[in-house]
Amino acid sequence: RTMVSVFERLRCRIVDNRWVEAADFKVPDHLNEITVTPPETLTSVLGMYASEMLPEDRPMWHMTLVHDILADRDILVFRSHHAIGDGLSLVQMMNWIFDIENKDHIES
């Protein structure tokens, strides 16, 4: 099962105040990868990223993998319109995505 199959609103957009499944939905349209390199800072890059509007012509969420070269770490950033879900439902989604139960192959 995938995230977009479990959480159907991730495949939908709002049309005339109703949830409508996007006929042209493609997961790669909602994924991005960026690298923060000096003199950029993670804070400045995330500030620009967070200020970008989510497009209204497709499901209003986006996920970006950020590689911070200076800090030698990677960060996954998930943005969504508040209509996708309330705080509790988004926490449940993140718990589902990052559930490591029975995933012994992951090293800590």
Protein backbone atom coordinates (compact mmCIF):
# COMPACT_ATOMS: atom_id res chain seq x y z
CA ARG A 1 0.00 0.00 0.00
CA THR A 2 1.20 3.47 -0.80
CA MET A 3 0.67 6.78 0.96
CA VAL A 4 -1.61 8.07 -1.82
CA SER A 5 -3.70 4.90 -1.82
CA VAL A 6 -4.23 5.05 1.95
CA PHE A 7 -4.87 8.80 2.13
CA GLU A 8 -7.22 9.47 -0.78
CA ARG A 9 -7.26 13.26 -0.36
CA LEU A 10 -3.68 13.28 -1.56
CA ARG A 11 -5.04 12.31 -4.99
CA CYS A 12 -7.79 14.95 -4.95
CA ARG A 13 -8.13 18.63 -5.55
CA ILE A 14 -10.91 20.99 -4.56
CA VAL A 15 -13.36 21.96 -7.30
CA ASP A 16 -16.45 24.03 -6.43
CA ASN A 17 -15.93 23.27 -2.72
CA ARG A 18 -15.89 19.50 -3.35
CA TRP A 19 -13.10 16.92 -3.33
CA VAL A 20 -12.55 15.63 -6.86
CA GLU A 21 -9.98 13.00 -7.78
CA ALA A 22 -7.42 14.54 -10.11
CA ALA A 23 -7.55 12.66 -13.40
CA ASP A 24 -3.94 13.57 -14.21
CA PHE A 25 -2.53 12.81 -10.74
CA LYS A 26 1.10 11.69 -10.73
CA VAL A 27 3.13 11.27 -7.56
CA PRO A 28 6.37 12.62 -9.15
CA ASP A 29 4.61 15.97 -9.70
CA HIS A 30 4.55 16.30 -5.89
CA LEU A 31 8.14 15.29 -5.14
CA ASN A 32 11.34 17.28 -5.25
CA GLU A 33 14.92 17.04 -4.08
CA ILE A 34 17.17 19.98 -3.30
CA THR A 35 20.67 20.42 -1.94
CA VAL A 36 21.69 23.22 0.40
CA THR A 37 25.26 24.28 -0.23
CA PRO A 38 27.22 27.13 1.34
CA PRO A 39 26.75 30.07 1.39
CA GLU A 40 23.05 29.09 1.51
CA THR A 41 21.69 28.08 4.88
CA LEU A 42 19.02 25.53 5.61
CA THR A 43 16.90 28.25 7.21
CA SER A 44 17.01 30.50 4.15
CA VAL A 45 16.26 27.66 1.73
CA LEU A 46 13.37 26.36 3.84
CA GLY A 47 12.03 29.91 4.21
CA MET A 48 11.89 30.33 0.43
CA TYR A 49 10.41 26.85 -0.01
CA ALA A 50 7.70 27.39 2.61
CA SER A 51 6.68 30.73 1.11
CA GLU A 52 5.94 29.20 -2.31
CA MET A 53 2.23 28.78 -3.05
CA LEU A 54 0.90 25.30 -3.65
CA PRO A 55 -0.70 25.10 -7.12
CA GLU A 56 -4.50 25.00 -7.05
CA ASP A 57 -4.84 23.02 -10.28
CA ARG A 58 -3.68 19.76 -8.67
CA PRO A 59 -3.72 18.13 -5.23
CA MET A 60 -2.31 20.66 -2.78
CA TRP A 61 0.64 18.91 -1.19
CA HIS A 62 4.33 18.58 -1.86
CA MET A 63 7.21 16.58 -0.39
CA THR A 64 10.86 17.58 -0.71
CA LEU A 65 14.02 15.76 0.34
CA VAL A 66 16.56 18.39 1.43
CA HIS A 67 20.25 17.52 1.55
CA ASP A 68 22.10 19.87 3.90
CA ILE A 69 25.74 19.48 2.85
CA LEU A 70 27.23 21.68 5.60
CA ALA A 71 25.41 19.84 8.41
CA ASP A 72 25.78 16.44 6.70
CA ARG A 73 22.09 15.61 7.15
CA ASP A 74 18.97 15.03 5.10
CA ILE A 75 15.54 16.39 5.94
CA LEU A 76 12.17 15.40 4.53
CA VAL A 77 9.74 18.34 4.30
CA PHE A 78 6.02 17.77 3.75
CA ARG A 79 3.79 20.73 2.90
CA SER A 80 0.06 20.58 2.46
CA HIS A 81 -2.91 22.88 2.32
CA HIS A 82 -4.86 22.92 5.59
CA ALA A 83 -7.86 21.44 3.73
CA ILE A 84 -5.96 18.16 3.25
CA GLY A 85 -6.41 17.43 6.93
CA ASP A 86 -6.36 18.77 10.43
CA GLY A 87 -3.36 18.45 12.71
CA LEU A 88 -4.35 15.03 14.03
CA SER A 89 -4.92 13.51 10.60
CA LEU A 90 -1.57 14.85 9.36
CA VAL A 91 0.19 13.41 12.42
CA GLN A 92 -1.49 10.06 11.68
CA MET A 93 -0.27 10.29 8.08
CA MET A 94 3.30 11.00 9.18
CA ASN A 95 3.13 8.14 11.68
CA TRP A 96 2.03 5.83 8.86
CA ILE A 97 4.81 7.05 6.56
CA PHE A 98 7.56 6.76 9.17
CA ASP A 99 6.35 3.63 10.95
CA ILE A 100 9.46 1.55 11.51
CA GLU A 101 7.74 -1.30 13.35
CA ASN A 102 8.93 -4.61 11.90
CA LYS A 103 11.55 -2.84 9.81
CA ASP A 104 14.64 -4.43 11.33
CA HIS A 105 16.77 -3.54 8.30
CA ILE A 106 16.80 0.14 9.31
CA GLU A 107 19.85 1.06 11.35
CA SER A 108 19.65 3.73 14.04
